[in-house]
Amino acid sequence: MQIFLGIIEGASEGVGLGIQFLRHVERTRLLLHFLDVSGQEGRNPVEDFYAINKELKKYSEKLSTRKQIIVANKIDVMKDEKNLKEVEELAKKEGLELFKISAVTKQGVQELIDYVSQELKKLPKEDLIDVEEKIVYTLEEKEDDWTIKKEKGVFKVSGKAVQRLMGRINIEDNESMYYLQKCLKNMGIDEKLKQMGVKEGDTVILDDWELEWYE
């Protein structure tokens, strides 16, 4: 399970962590909306819910249709039940499951974890990258779209093809890294690096990402 925090208004246009962040969120199968119902911050949880969904839809129609769960957090420090009642009405209106929890006291947390665990077993796994987004590299494109330079023992791979590829990669995700290795091989970058003498432990920079080479 991966947890993503901090989607803010304007994220689909690059505000905050922006597009790169939303690309990571796109890899999830289940979205949990943690809404602050305490009233301590003066926020309106219902407005926050719709603001987040607006950003998701602006970035990807498909992402906006992911299964969602509403989590009403900070129920242990509520000033009153006004926000909670509004969130309950929201959940009923949108037909979404609602869990009331306190991250501090752990009230309701285990029930939420158990439910999420069961739901993930039901949801089908999808390819990390949409088929329509995959790039077909022709022989002509390979030489034009990327280059490799070796400077002081460091291999720097750059070019439009590499930029496009790294824009789709989550380096903290094993499946995504496997996809990266497969693409490097298909594009001929893997073979070219070997021809230039790359060995295990060497530093390889792909666009702006610094990685350690291993076989």
N, C-alpha and C. Protein backbone atom coordinates (compact mmCIF):
# COMPACT_ATOMS: atom_id res chain seq x y z
N MET A 1 0.84 -1.18 0.00
CA MET A 1 0.00 0.00 0.00
C MET A 1 0.88 1.24 0.00
N GLN A 2 0.52 2.27 -0.75
CA GLN A 2 1.26 3.52 -0.75
C GLN A 2 0.34 4.64 -0.28
N ILE A 3 0.89 5.55 0.54
CA ILE A 3 0.12 6.66 1.04
C ILE A 3 0.65 7.95 0.44
N PHE A 4 -0.22 8.76 -0.11
CA PHE A 4 0.18 10.01 -0.74
C PHE A 4 -0.49 11.16 0.00
N LEU A 5 0.30 12.14 0.39
CA LEU A 5 -0.22 13.26 1.13
C LEU A 5 0.01 14.56 0.36
N GLY A 6 -0.86 15.55 0.59
CA GLY A 6 -0.56 16.89 0.16
C GLY A 6 -1.03 17.33 -1.21
N ILE A 7 -2.07 16.72 -1.78
CA ILE A 7 -2.62 17.27 -3.01
C ILE A 7 -3.30 18.58 -2.67
N ILE A 8 -2.94 19.64 -3.36
CA ILE A 8 -3.50 20.95 -3.08
C ILE A 8 -4.13 21.52 -4.35
N GLU A 9 -4.91 22.56 -4.18
CA GLU A 9 -5.55 23.21 -5.32
C GLU A 9 -4.49 23.73 -6.28
N GLY A 10 -4.67 23.41 -7.56
CA GLY A 10 -3.69 23.83 -8.56
C GLY A 10 -2.66 22.76 -8.87
N ALA A 11 -2.73 21.61 -8.20
CA ALA A 11 -1.73 20.54 -8.42
C ALA A 11 -1.71 20.08 -9.86
N SER A 12 -2.88 20.05 -10.50
CA SER A 12 -2.95 19.60 -11.90
C SER A 12 -2.26 20.57 -12.85
N GLU A 13 -1.97 21.79 -12.34
CA GLU A 13 -1.29 22.79 -13.15
C GLU A 13 0.14 23.02 -12.69
N GLY A 14 0.60 22.13 -11.76
CA GLY A 14 1.99 22.21 -11.34
C GLY A 14 2.23 22.86 -9.99
N VAL A 15 1.18 23.30 -9.29
CA VAL A 15 1.36 23.92 -7.98
C VAL A 15 1.77 22.86 -6.97
N GLY A 16 2.65 23.22 -6.04
CA GLY A 16 3.15 22.27 -5.05
C GLY A 16 3.99 21.21 -5.74
N LEU A 17 3.74 19.93 -5.43
CA LEU A 17 4.45 18.84 -6.08
C LEU A 17 3.89 18.60 -7.48
N GLY A 18 2.71 19.14 -7.74
CA GLY A 18 2.17 19.21 -9.09
C GLY A 18 2.04 17.90 -9.84
N ILE A 19 2.37 17.96 -11.15
CA ILE A 19 2.15 16.85 -12.06
C ILE A 19 2.92 15.61 -11.63
N GLN A 20 4.17 15.78 -11.18
CA GLN A 20 4.97 14.63 -10.77
C GLN A 20 4.29 13.87 -9.66
N PHE A 21 3.68 14.62 -8.72
CA PHE A 21 2.98 14.00 -7.60
C PHE A 21 1.75 13.24 -8.09
N LEU A 22 0.98 13.86 -8.99
CA LEU A 22 -0.22 13.23 -9.49
C LEU A 22 0.10 11.97 -10.30
N ARG A 23 1.26 11.93 -10.94
CA ARG A 23 1.66 10.73 -11.67
C ARG A 23 1.82 9.56 -10.71
N HIS A 24 2.35 9.85 -9.50
CA HIS A 24 2.49 8.79 -8.51
C HIS A 24 1.11 8.35 -7.99
N VAL A 25 0.24 9.33 -7.75
CA VAL A 25 -1.11 9.01 -7.28
C VAL A 25 -1.85 8.14 -8.29
N GLU A 26 -1.56 8.36 -9.57
CA GLU A 26 -2.23 7.63 -10.64
C GLU A 26 -1.98 6.12 -10.56
N ARG A 27 -0.95 5.72 -9.83
CA ARG A 27 -0.60 4.30 -9.72
C ARG A 27 -1.42 3.59 -8.66
N THR A 28 -2.25 4.31 -7.92
CA THR A 28 -3.03 3.70 -6.86
C THR A 28 -4.34 3.12 -7.39
N ARG A 29 -4.90 2.17 -6.64
CA ARG A 29 -6.18 1.58 -7.02
C ARG A 29 -7.32 2.04 -6.11
N LEU A 30 -6.97 2.61 -4.98
CA LEU A 30 -7.97 3.01 -3.99
C LEU A 30 -7.53 4.33 -3.36
N LEU A 31 -8.43 5.30 -3.34
CA LEU A 31 -8.12 6.62 -2.79
C LEU A 31 -8.84 6.83 -1.47
N LEU A 32 -8.13 7.27 -0.44
CA LEU A 32 -8.71 7.60 0.85
C LEU A 32 -8.63 9.10 1.05
N HIS A 33 -9.77 9.72 1.29
CA HIS A 33 -9.82 11.15 1.54
C HIS A 33 -9.84 11.38 3.05
N PHE A 34 -8.73 11.84 3.60
CA PHE A 34 -8.67 12.16 5.03
C PHE A 34 -9.15 13.60 5.21
N LEU A 35 -10.31 13.76 5.83
CA LEU A 35 -10.89 15.08 6.02
C LEU A 35 -10.85 15.45 7.51
N ASP A 36 -10.37 16.63 7.80
CA ASP A 36 -10.27 17.14 9.16
C ASP A 36 -11.63 17.67 9.60
N VAL A 37 -12.26 16.98 10.55
CA VAL A 37 -13.59 17.40 11.01
C VAL A 37 -13.53 18.08 12.37
N SER A 38 -12.32 18.35 12.87
CA SER A 38 -12.17 18.94 14.20
C SER A 38 -12.62 20.38 14.26
N GLY A 39 -12.50 21.10 13.14
CA GLY A 39 -12.85 22.51 13.14
C GLY A 39 -11.74 23.40 13.67
N GLN A 40 -10.62 22.81 14.06
CA GLN A 40 -9.53 23.58 14.66
C GLN A 40 -8.81 24.48 13.66
N GLU A 41 -8.74 24.04 12.41
CA GLU A 41 -8.02 24.80 11.39
C GLU A 41 -8.91 25.75 10.60
N GLY A 42 -10.20 25.71 10.91
CA GLY A 42 -11.13 26.59 10.20
C GLY A 42 -11.41 26.15 8.78
N ARG A 43 -11.09 24.89 8.45
CA ARG A 43 -11.29 24.39 7.10
C ARG A 43 -12.68 23.77 6.96
N ASN A 44 -13.18 23.80 5.74
CA ASN A 44 -14.45 23.16 5.44
C ASN A 44 -14.15 21.82 4.77
N PRO A 45 -14.35 20.69 5.45
CA PRO A 45 -13.98 19.39 4.91
C PRO A 45 -14.70 19.03 3.62
N VAL A 46 -15.93 19.48 3.47
CA VAL A 46 -16.68 19.18 2.24
C VAL A 46 -16.06 19.92 1.06
N GLU A 47 -15.70 21.19 1.26
CA GLU A 47 -15.05 21.95 0.20
C GLU A 47 -13.70 21.34 -0.15
N ASP A 48 -12.97 20.87 0.87
CA ASP A 48 -11.68 20.22 0.63
C ASP A 48 -11.86 18.97 -0.23
N PHE A 49 -12.89 18.21 0.06
CA PHE A 49 -13.17 16.98 -0.70
C PHE A 49 -13.37 17.29 -2.18
N TYR A 50 -14.21 18.27 -2.46
CA TYR A 50 -14.50 18.59 -3.86
C TYR A 50 -13.32 19.27 -4.55
N ALA A 51 -12.53 20.02 -3.80
CA ALA A 51 -11.35 20.66 -4.38
C ALA A 51 -10.33 19.62 -4.83
N ILE A 52 -10.13 18.60 -4.00
CA ILE A 52 -9.19 17.52 -4.34
C ILE A 52 -9.69 16.75 -5.56
N ASN A 53 -10.97 16.42 -5.56
CA ASN A 53 -11.52 15.67 -6.70
C ASN A 53 -11.48 16.48 -7.99
N LYS A 54 -11.60 17.77 -7.86
CA LYS A 54 -11.50 18.64 -9.04
C LYS A 54 -10.11 18.54 -9.65
N GLU A 55 -9.07 18.53 -8.80
CA GLU A 55 -7.70 18.42 -9.29
C GLU A 55 -7.46 17.05 -9.93
N LEU A 56 -8.00 16.00 -9.32
CA LEU A 56 -7.85 14.66 -9.86
C LEU A 56 -8.48 14.57 -11.25
N LYS A 57 -9.68 15.14 -11.40
CA LYS A 57 -10.39 15.07 -12.68
C LYS A 57 -9.70 15.90 -13.74
N LYS A 58 -9.16 17.08 -13.36
CA LYS A 58 -8.47 17.93 -14.32
C LYS A 58 -7.22 17.24 -14.85
N TYR A 59 -6.58 16.45 -13.99
CA TYR A 59 -5.38 15.74 -14.41
C TYR A 59 -5.71 14.51 -15.23
N SER A 60 -6.70 13.72 -14.76
CA SER A 60 -7.03 12.47 -15.44
C SER A 60 -8.46 12.05 -15.13
N GLU A 61 -9.26 11.91 -16.16
CA GLU A 61 -10.64 11.46 -15.99
C GLU A 61 -10.66 10.07 -15.37
N LYS A 62 -9.71 9.24 -15.79
CA LYS A 62 -9.63 7.88 -15.28
C LYS A 62 -9.31 7.87 -13.80
N LEU A 63 -8.38 8.73 -13.38
CA LEU A 63 -8.00 8.80 -11.98
C LEU A 63 -9.17 9.24 -11.12
N SER A 64 -9.98 10.13 -11.63
CA SER A 64 -11.12 10.65 -10.86
C SER A 64 -12.20 9.59 -10.64
N THR A 65 -12.13 8.48 -11.38
CA THR A 65 -13.14 7.42 -11.22
C THR A 65 -12.66 6.29 -10.32
N ARG A 66 -11.46 6.43 -9.75
CA ARG A 66 -10.96 5.40 -8.82
C ARG A 66 -11.90 5.29 -7.63
N LYS A 67 -11.98 4.08 -7.07
CA LYS A 67 -12.80 3.87 -5.88
C LYS A 67 -12.26 4.75 -4.74
N GLN A 68 -13.18 5.36 -4.00
CA GLN A 68 -12.80 6.28 -2.94
C GLN A 68 -13.46 5.93 -1.61
N ILE A 69 -12.77 6.28 -0.54
CA ILE A 69 -13.29 6.13 0.81
C ILE A 69 -13.08 7.46 1.52
N ILE A 70 -14.08 7.90 2.27
CA ILE A 70 -13.94 9.13 3.05
C ILE A 70 -13.55 8.76 4.48
N VAL A 71 -12.52 9.42 4.98
CA VAL A 71 -12.06 9.20 6.35
C VAL A 71 -12.18 10.51 7.12
N ALA A 72 -13.09 10.54 8.09
CA ALA A 72 -13.26 11.72 8.94
C ALA A 72 -12.26 11.60 10.09
N ASN A 73 -11.23 12.45 10.07
CA ASN A 73 -10.15 12.35 11.05
C ASN A 73 -10.30 13.42 12.15
N LYS A 74 -9.61 13.19 13.25
CA LYS A 74 -9.57 14.09 14.42
C LYS A 74 -10.91 14.17 15.14
N ILE A 75 -11.63 13.03 15.19
CA ILE A 75 -12.93 13.05 15.88
C ILE A 75 -12.75 13.20 17.39
N ASP A 76 -11.53 13.01 17.89
CA ASP A 76 -11.27 13.12 19.32
C ASP A 76 -11.18 14.57 19.79
N VAL A 77 -11.00 15.49 18.85
CA VAL A 77 -10.84 16.90 19.26
C VAL A 77 -11.85 17.81 18.54
N MET A 78 -13.01 17.28 18.21
CA MET A 78 -14.02 18.09 17.53
C MET A 78 -14.57 19.17 18.47
N LYS A 79 -14.69 20.39 17.95
CA LYS A 79 -15.31 21.46 18.71
C LYS A 79 -16.80 21.20 18.87
N ASP A 80 -17.40 20.71 17.77
CA ASP A 80 -18.80 20.30 17.76
C ASP A 80 -18.95 19.28 16.64
N GLU A 81 -20.17 18.85 16.38
CA GLU A 81 -20.38 17.80 15.38
C GLU A 81 -20.83 18.36 14.03
N LYS A 82 -20.75 19.67 13.86
CA LYS A 82 -21.22 20.30 12.62
C LYS A 82 -20.48 19.74 11.40
N ASN A 83 -19.13 19.77 11.43
CA ASN A 83 -18.35 19.28 10.29
C ASN A 83 -18.58 17.79 10.04
N LEU A 84 -18.67 17.03 11.11
CA LEU A 84 -18.87 15.59 10.98
C LEU A 84 -20.21 15.30 10.32
N LYS A 85 -21.25 16.01 10.72
CA LYS A 85 -22.57 15.79 10.13
C LYS A 85 -22.57 16.14 8.64
N GLU A 86 -21.84 17.20 8.30
CA GLU A 86 -21.76 17.59 6.88
C GLU A 86 -21.01 16.53 6.07
N VAL A 87 -19.99 15.94 6.67
CA VAL A 87 -19.24 14.88 5.99
C VAL A 87 -20.10 13.62 5.85
N GLU A 88 -20.91 13.34 6.87
CA GLU A 88 -21.83 12.20 6.80
C GLU A 88 -22.82 12.39 5.65
N GLU A 89 -23.32 13.60 5.49
CA GLU A 89 -24.24 13.92 4.38
C GLU A 89 -23.53 13.80 3.04
N LEU A 90 -22.26 14.23 3.01
CA LEU A 90 -21.46 14.13 1.80
C LEU A 90 -21.29 12.67 1.38
N ALA A 91 -20.92 11.83 2.33
CA ALA A 91 -20.72 10.41 2.05
C ALA A 91 -22.00 9.77 1.53
N LYS A 92 -23.12 10.13 2.13
CA LYS A 92 -24.42 9.59 1.70
C LYS A 92 -24.75 10.05 0.30
N LYS A 93 -24.51 11.34 0.02
CA LYS A 93 -24.80 11.92 -1.29
C LYS A 93 -23.95 11.27 -2.38
N GLU A 94 -22.66 11.05 -2.10
CA GLU A 94 -21.75 10.50 -3.10
C GLU A 94 -21.72 8.98 -3.12
N GLY A 95 -22.42 8.36 -2.17
CA GLY A 95 -22.46 6.90 -2.12
C GLY A 95 -21.12 6.28 -1.74
N LEU A 96 -20.41 6.92 -0.82
CA LEU A 96 -19.07 6.46 -0.44
C LEU A 96 -19.06 5.95 0.99
N GLU A 97 -18.18 5.00 1.27
CA GLU A 97 -17.98 4.49 2.61
C GLU A 97 -17.36 5.59 3.47
N LEU A 98 -17.77 5.68 4.73
CA LEU A 98 -17.24 6.68 5.64
C LEU A 98 -16.71 6.01 6.90
N PHE A 99 -15.48 6.37 7.26
CA PHE A 99 -14.88 5.89 8.50
C PHE A 99 -14.54 7.08 9.37
N LYS A 100 -14.87 6.99 10.65
CA LYS A 100 -14.58 8.06 11.61
C LYS A 100 -13.43 7.60 12.49
N ILE A 101 -12.33 8.34 12.45
CA ILE A 101 -11.14 7.90 13.17
C ILE A 101 -10.46 9.04 13.92
N SER A 102 -9.54 8.63 14.77
CA SER A 102 -8.60 9.55 15.40
C SER A 102 -7.22 8.95 15.20
N ALA A 103 -6.38 9.61 14.43
CA ALA A 103 -5.03 9.11 14.19
C ALA A 103 -4.20 9.12 15.48
N VAL A 104 -4.58 9.98 16.42
CA VAL A 104 -3.84 10.09 17.68
C VAL A 104 -4.23 8.99 18.66
N THR A 105 -5.53 8.81 18.89
CA THR A 105 -5.98 7.81 19.86
C THR A 105 -6.15 6.42 19.23
N LYS A 106 -6.07 6.36 17.89
CA LYS A 106 -6.22 5.12 17.12
C LYS A 106 -7.66 4.64 17.04
N GLN A 107 -8.60 5.43 17.53
CA GLN A 107 -10.01 5.04 17.44
C GLN A 107 -10.42 4.87 15.98
N GLY A 108 -10.96 3.72 15.65
CA GLY A 108 -11.45 3.45 14.31
C GLY A 108 -10.38 3.12 13.28
N VAL A 109 -9.10 3.22 13.64
CA VAL A 109 -8.02 3.02 12.68
C VAL A 109 -7.94 1.56 12.21
N GLN A 110 -8.01 0.62 13.14
CA GLN A 110 -7.91 -0.78 12.76
C GLN A 110 -9.05 -1.21 11.86
N GLU A 111 -10.24 -0.70 12.14
CA GLU A 111 -11.39 -1.02 11.29
C GLU A 111 -11.16 -0.52 9.86
N LEU A 112 -10.58 0.67 9.75
CA LEU A 112 -10.28 1.23 8.44
C LEU A 112 -9.25 0.38 7.71
N ILE A 113 -8.18 0.00 8.41
CA ILE A 113 -7.13 -0.82 7.81
C ILE A 113 -7.68 -2.15 7.33
N ASP A 114 -8.53 -2.77 8.14
CA ASP A 114 -9.12 -4.06 7.77
C ASP A 114 -9.98 -3.93 6.52
N TYR A 115 -10.76 -2.85 6.46
CA TYR A 115 -11.64 -2.64 5.31
C TYR A 115 -10.83 -2.42 4.04
N VAL A 116 -9.82 -1.56 4.14
CA VAL A 116 -8.97 -1.27 2.98
C VAL A 116 -8.29 -2.53 2.48
N SER A 117 -7.81 -3.34 3.42
CA SER A 117 -7.14 -4.60 3.05
C SER A 117 -8.06 -5.50 2.25
N GLN A 118 -9.30 -5.60 2.67
CA GLN A 118 -10.27 -6.45 1.98
C GLN A 118 -10.64 -5.88 0.61
N GLU A 119 -10.78 -4.55 0.53
CA GLU A 119 -11.14 -3.92 -0.73
C GLU A 119 -10.05 -4.08 -1.77
N LEU A 120 -8.79 -3.98 -1.35
CA LEU A 120 -7.68 -4.11 -2.29
C LEU A 120 -7.62 -5.51 -2.90
N LYS A 121 -8.09 -6.48 -2.16
CA LYS A 121 -8.13 -7.85 -2.68
C LYS A 121 -9.16 -7.98 -3.80
N LYS A 122 -10.19 -7.14 -3.76
CA LYS A 122 -11.26 -7.21 -4.75
C LYS A 122 -10.94 -6.40 -6.01
N LEU A 123 -10.16 -5.34 -5.84
CA LEU A 123 -9.90 -4.44 -6.97
C LEU A 123 -8.86 -5.04 -7.90
N PRO A 124 -9.13 -5.08 -9.20
CA PRO A 124 -8.17 -5.65 -10.16
C PRO A 124 -6.93 -4.79 -10.29
N LYS A 125 -5.79 -5.43 -10.47
CA LYS A 125 -4.55 -4.70 -10.69
C LYS A 125 -4.52 -4.22 -12.14
N GLU A 126 -3.96 -3.03 -12.33
CA GLU A 126 -3.88 -2.45 -13.66
C GLU A 126 -2.42 -2.18 -14.02
N ASP A 127 -2.17 -2.05 -15.33
CA ASP A 127 -0.82 -1.69 -15.76
C ASP A 127 -0.47 -0.33 -15.20
N LEU A 128 0.79 -0.15 -14.79
CA LEU A 128 1.22 1.13 -14.25
C LEU A 128 1.13 2.23 -15.29
N ILE A 129 1.36 1.88 -16.54
CA ILE A 129 1.33 2.86 -17.62
C ILE A 129 0.21 2.51 -18.58
N ASP A 130 -0.66 3.48 -18.87
CA ASP A 130 -1.73 3.24 -19.82
C ASP A 130 -1.16 2.88 -21.18
N VAL A 131 -1.84 1.95 -21.87
CA VAL A 131 -1.36 1.50 -23.16
C VAL A 131 -1.21 2.66 -24.12
N GLU A 132 -2.17 3.60 -24.07
CA GLU A 132 -2.12 4.70 -25.02
C GLU A 132 -0.96 5.64 -24.75
N GLU A 133 -0.35 5.57 -23.57
CA GLU A 133 0.76 6.46 -23.24
C GLU A 133 2.11 5.86 -23.60
N LYS A 134 2.14 4.57 -23.91
CA LYS A 134 3.40 3.93 -24.22
C LYS A 134 3.97 4.48 -25.52
N ILE A 135 5.27 4.68 -25.54
CA ILE A 135 5.94 5.24 -26.70
C ILE A 135 6.60 4.11 -27.49
N VAL A 136 6.42 4.12 -28.79
CA VAL A 136 7.08 3.14 -29.64
C VAL A 136 8.34 3.79 -30.18
N TYR A 137 9.49 3.21 -29.89
CA TYR A 137 10.76 3.76 -30.33
C TYR A 137 11.20 3.07 -31.62
N THR A 138 11.30 3.83 -32.67
CA THR A 138 11.78 3.28 -33.93
C THR A 138 13.30 3.39 -33.97
N LEU A 139 13.92 2.72 -34.94
CA LEU A 139 15.37 2.79 -35.06
C LEU A 139 15.83 4.22 -35.31
N GLU A 140 15.03 4.99 -36.06
CA GLU A 140 15.39 6.36 -36.35
C GLU A 140 15.36 7.22 -35.09
N GLU A 141 14.39 6.96 -34.20
CA GLU A 141 14.23 7.76 -33.01
C GLU A 141 15.34 7.52 -31.99
N LYS A 142 15.86 6.31 -31.95
CA LYS A 142 16.81 5.95 -30.89
C LYS A 142 18.01 6.87 -30.84
N GLU A 143 18.63 7.12 -31.98
CA GLU A 143 19.84 7.94 -31.98
C GLU A 143 19.52 9.41 -31.81
N ASP A 144 18.33 9.82 -32.30
CA ASP A 144 17.98 11.23 -32.25
C ASP A 144 17.47 11.65 -30.87
N ASP A 145 16.84 10.72 -30.15
CA ASP A 145 16.13 11.08 -28.93
C ASP A 145 16.93 10.89 -27.65
N TRP A 146 18.09 10.28 -27.70
CA TRP A 146 18.91 10.18 -26.49
C TRP A 146 20.40 10.09 -26.82
N THR A 147 21.19 10.57 -25.89
CA THR A 147 22.65 10.50 -26.01
C THR A 147 23.24 10.10 -24.67
N ILE A 148 24.43 9.54 -24.70
CA ILE A 148 25.13 9.16 -23.47
C ILE A 148 26.53 9.77 -23.47
N LYS A 149 26.87 10.41 -22.36
CA LYS A 149 28.21 10.96 -22.18
C LYS A 149 28.80 10.42 -20.89
N LYS A 150 30.10 10.12 -20.91
CA LYS A 150 30.79 9.65 -19.72
C LYS A 150 31.72 10.74 -19.24
N GLU A 151 31.47 11.21 -18.01
CA GLU A 151 32.29 12.28 -17.45
C GLU A 151 32.73 11.89 -16.04
N LYS A 152 34.06 11.73 -15.87
CA LYS A 152 34.63 11.37 -14.57
C LYS A 152 33.99 10.13 -13.98
N GLY A 153 33.79 9.14 -14.82
CA GLY A 153 33.23 7.86 -14.37
C GLY A 153 31.73 7.83 -14.22
N VAL A 154 31.07 8.94 -14.51
CA VAL A 154 29.61 9.02 -14.40
C VAL A 154 28.99 9.01 -15.80
N PHE A 155 27.99 8.18 -16.00
CA PHE A 155 27.32 8.07 -17.30
C PHE A 155 26.06 8.94 -17.29
N LYS A 156 26.01 9.91 -18.18
CA LYS A 156 24.87 10.82 -18.25
C LYS A 156 24.06 10.53 -19.51
N VAL A 157 22.82 10.09 -19.30
CA VAL A 157 21.91 9.77 -20.40
C VAL A 157 20.87 10.87 -20.49
N SER A 158 20.78 11.52 -21.63
CA SER A 158 19.85 12.64 -21.78
C SER A 158 19.13 12.58 -23.11
N GLY A 159 18.16 13.46 -23.28
CA GLY A 159 17.39 13.50 -24.52
C GLY A 159 15.90 13.46 -24.26
N LYS A 160 15.11 13.78 -25.27
CA LYS A 160 13.66 13.84 -25.13
C LYS A 160 13.05 12.49 -24.74
N ALA A 161 13.59 11.41 -25.33
CA ALA A 161 13.05 10.08 -25.02
C ALA A 161 13.23 9.75 -23.55
N VAL A 162 14.39 10.13 -23.00
CA VAL A 162 14.68 9.85 -21.59
C VAL A 162 13.79 10.71 -20.68
N GLN A 163 13.57 11.95 -21.07
CA GLN A 163 12.69 12.83 -20.29
C GLN A 163 11.28 12.26 -20.23
N ARG A 164 10.80 11.80 -21.38
CA ARG A 164 9.45 11.23 -21.42
C ARG A 164 9.37 9.97 -20.56
N LEU A 165 10.39 9.15 -20.64
CA LEU A 165 10.39 7.91 -19.88
C LEU A 165 10.42 8.17 -18.38
N MET A 166 11.33 9.03 -17.93
CA MET A 166 11.47 9.27 -16.49
C MET A 166 10.26 9.99 -15.91
N GLY A 167 9.50 10.66 -16.77
CA GLY A 167 8.27 11.29 -16.30
C GLY A 167 7.22 10.29 -15.90
N ARG A 168 7.41 9.03 -16.31
CA ARG A 168 6.45 7.98 -16.01
C ARG A 168 6.93 7.05 -14.89
N ILE A 169 8.10 7.28 -14.37
CA ILE A 169 8.70 6.34 -13.44
C ILE A 169 8.60 6.80 -11.99
N ASN A 170 8.23 5.87 -11.12
CA ASN A 170 8.27 6.08 -9.67
C ASN A 170 9.43 5.25 -9.14
N ILE A 171 10.55 5.88 -8.78
CA ILE A 171 11.75 5.13 -8.42
C ILE A 171 11.61 4.39 -7.09
N GLU A 172 10.52 4.64 -6.36
CA GLU A 172 10.30 3.95 -5.09
C GLU A 172 9.40 2.73 -5.26
N ASP A 173 9.02 2.46 -6.50
CA ASP A 173 8.11 1.35 -6.77
C ASP A 173 8.83 0.28 -7.58
N ASN A 174 8.86 -0.95 -7.07
CA ASN A 174 9.60 -2.04 -7.72
C ASN A 174 9.09 -2.35 -9.12
N GLU A 175 7.77 -2.36 -9.29
CA GLU A 175 7.19 -2.66 -10.61
C GLU A 175 7.56 -1.57 -11.61
N SER A 176 7.56 -0.33 -11.14
CA SER A 176 7.91 0.78 -12.01
C SER A 176 9.38 0.71 -12.43
N MET A 177 10.26 0.30 -11.50
CA MET A 177 11.68 0.18 -11.81
C MET A 177 11.93 -0.97 -12.79
N TYR A 178 11.13 -2.02 -12.67
CA TYR A 178 11.23 -3.12 -13.63
C TYR A 178 10.84 -2.63 -15.02
N TYR A 179 9.81 -1.80 -15.07
CA TYR A 179 9.39 -1.22 -16.35
C TYR A 179 10.50 -0.35 -16.92
N LEU A 180 11.20 0.40 -16.06
CA LEU A 180 12.30 1.25 -16.50
C LEU A 180 13.41 0.41 -17.13
N GLN A 181 13.79 -0.67 -16.46
CA GLN A 181 14.84 -1.55 -16.97
C GLN A 181 14.46 -2.12 -18.33
N LYS A 182 13.20 -2.51 -18.47
CA LYS A 182 12.72 -3.07 -19.73
C LYS A 182 12.80 -2.03 -20.84
N CYS A 183 12.43 -0.78 -20.53
CA CYS A 183 12.46 0.28 -21.53
C CYS A 183 13.90 0.60 -21.94
N LEU A 184 14.82 0.64 -20.97
CA LEU A 184 16.22 0.92 -21.29
C LEU A 184 16.78 -0.13 -22.24
N LYS A 185 16.35 -1.35 -22.05
CA LYS A 185 16.82 -2.44 -22.92
C LYS A 185 16.20 -2.29 -24.31
N ASN A 186 14.90 -2.02 -24.37
CA ASN A 186 14.22 -1.90 -25.66
C ASN A 186 14.72 -0.70 -26.47
N MET A 187 15.10 0.35 -25.78
CA MET A 187 15.57 1.56 -26.44
C MET A 187 17.04 1.46 -26.88
N GLY A 188 17.72 0.44 -26.41
CA GLY A 188 19.13 0.28 -26.77
C GLY A 188 20.09 0.98 -25.83
N ILE A 189 19.56 1.66 -24.81
CA ILE A 189 20.41 2.38 -23.86
C ILE A 189 21.23 1.41 -23.02
N ASP A 190 20.60 0.34 -22.62
CA ASP A 190 21.27 -0.69 -21.82
C ASP A 190 22.52 -1.21 -22.55
N GLU A 191 22.37 -1.57 -23.80
CA GLU A 191 23.48 -2.11 -24.59
C GLU A 191 24.57 -1.07 -24.80
N LYS A 192 24.16 0.18 -25.06
CA LYS A 192 25.13 1.24 -25.29
C LYS A 192 25.97 1.51 -24.04
N LEU A 193 25.33 1.50 -22.88
CA LEU A 193 26.06 1.70 -21.63
C LEU A 193 27.10 0.60 -21.42
N LYS A 194 26.72 -0.62 -21.74
CA LYS A 194 27.65 -1.74 -21.60
C LYS A 194 28.84 -1.58 -22.55
N GLN A 195 28.54 -1.12 -23.76
CA GLN A 195 29.61 -0.89 -24.74
C GLN A 195 30.58 0.19 -24.26
N MET A 196 30.05 1.14 -23.49
CA MET A 196 30.88 2.23 -22.98
C MET A 196 31.58 1.87 -21.67
N GLY A 197 31.35 0.62 -21.21
CA GLY A 197 32.10 0.15 -20.04
C GLY A 197 31.41 0.28 -18.70
N VAL A 198 30.11 0.50 -18.68
CA VAL A 198 29.43 0.60 -17.39
C VAL A 198 29.53 -0.72 -16.64
N LYS A 199 29.70 -0.63 -15.34
CA LYS A 199 29.77 -1.85 -14.52
C LYS A 199 28.96 -1.64 -13.24
N GLU A 200 28.69 -2.74 -12.56
CA GLU A 200 27.85 -2.69 -11.37
C GLU A 200 28.43 -1.72 -10.34
N GLY A 201 27.57 -0.85 -9.82
CA GLY A 201 28.00 0.13 -8.83
C GLY A 201 28.27 1.50 -9.42
N ASP A 202 28.38 1.59 -10.75
CA ASP A 202 28.61 2.87 -11.40
C ASP A 202 27.38 3.78 -11.29
N THR A 203 27.61 5.07 -11.34
CA THR A 203 26.52 6.05 -11.30
C THR A 203 26.03 6.34 -12.72
N VAL A 204 24.72 6.21 -12.90
CA VAL A 204 24.09 6.51 -14.19
C VAL A 204 23.02 7.57 -13.94
N ILE A 205 23.11 8.69 -14.64
CA ILE A 205 22.14 9.77 -14.49
C ILE A 205 21.19 9.74 -15.69
N LEU A 206 19.93 9.49 -15.40
CA LEU A 206 18.88 9.48 -16.42
C LEU A 206 18.07 10.75 -16.27
N ASP A 207 18.23 11.66 -17.24
CA ASP A 207 17.63 12.99 -17.13
C ASP A 207 18.18 13.64 -15.85
N ASP A 208 17.35 13.86 -14.82
CA ASP A 208 17.85 14.45 -13.57
C ASP A 208 17.92 13.43 -12.43
N TRP A 209 17.69 12.15 -12.74
CA TRP A 209 17.67 11.11 -11.71
C TRP A 209 19.01 10.39 -11.67
N GLU A 210 19.64 10.37 -10.49
CA GLU A 210 20.92 9.69 -10.32
C GLU A 210 20.68 8.30 -9.73
N LEU A 211 21.08 7.28 -10.46
CA LEU A 211 20.84 5.90 -10.05
C LEU A 211 22.15 5.11 -10.05
N GLU A 212 22.14 4.03 -9.27
CA GLU A 212 23.30 3.13 -9.24
C GLU A 212 23.05 1.96 -10.18
N TRP A 213 23.99 1.69 -11.07
CA TRP A 213 23.82 0.63 -12.06
C TRP A 213 24.01 -0.74 -11.42
N TYR A 214 23.13 -1.66 -11.75
CA TYR A 214 23.31 -3.04 -11.31
C TYR A 214 22.74 -3.96 -12.38
N GLU A 215 23.31 -5.17 -12.43
CA GLU A 215 22.89 -6.14 -13.44
C GLU A 215 21.67 -6.93 -12.95
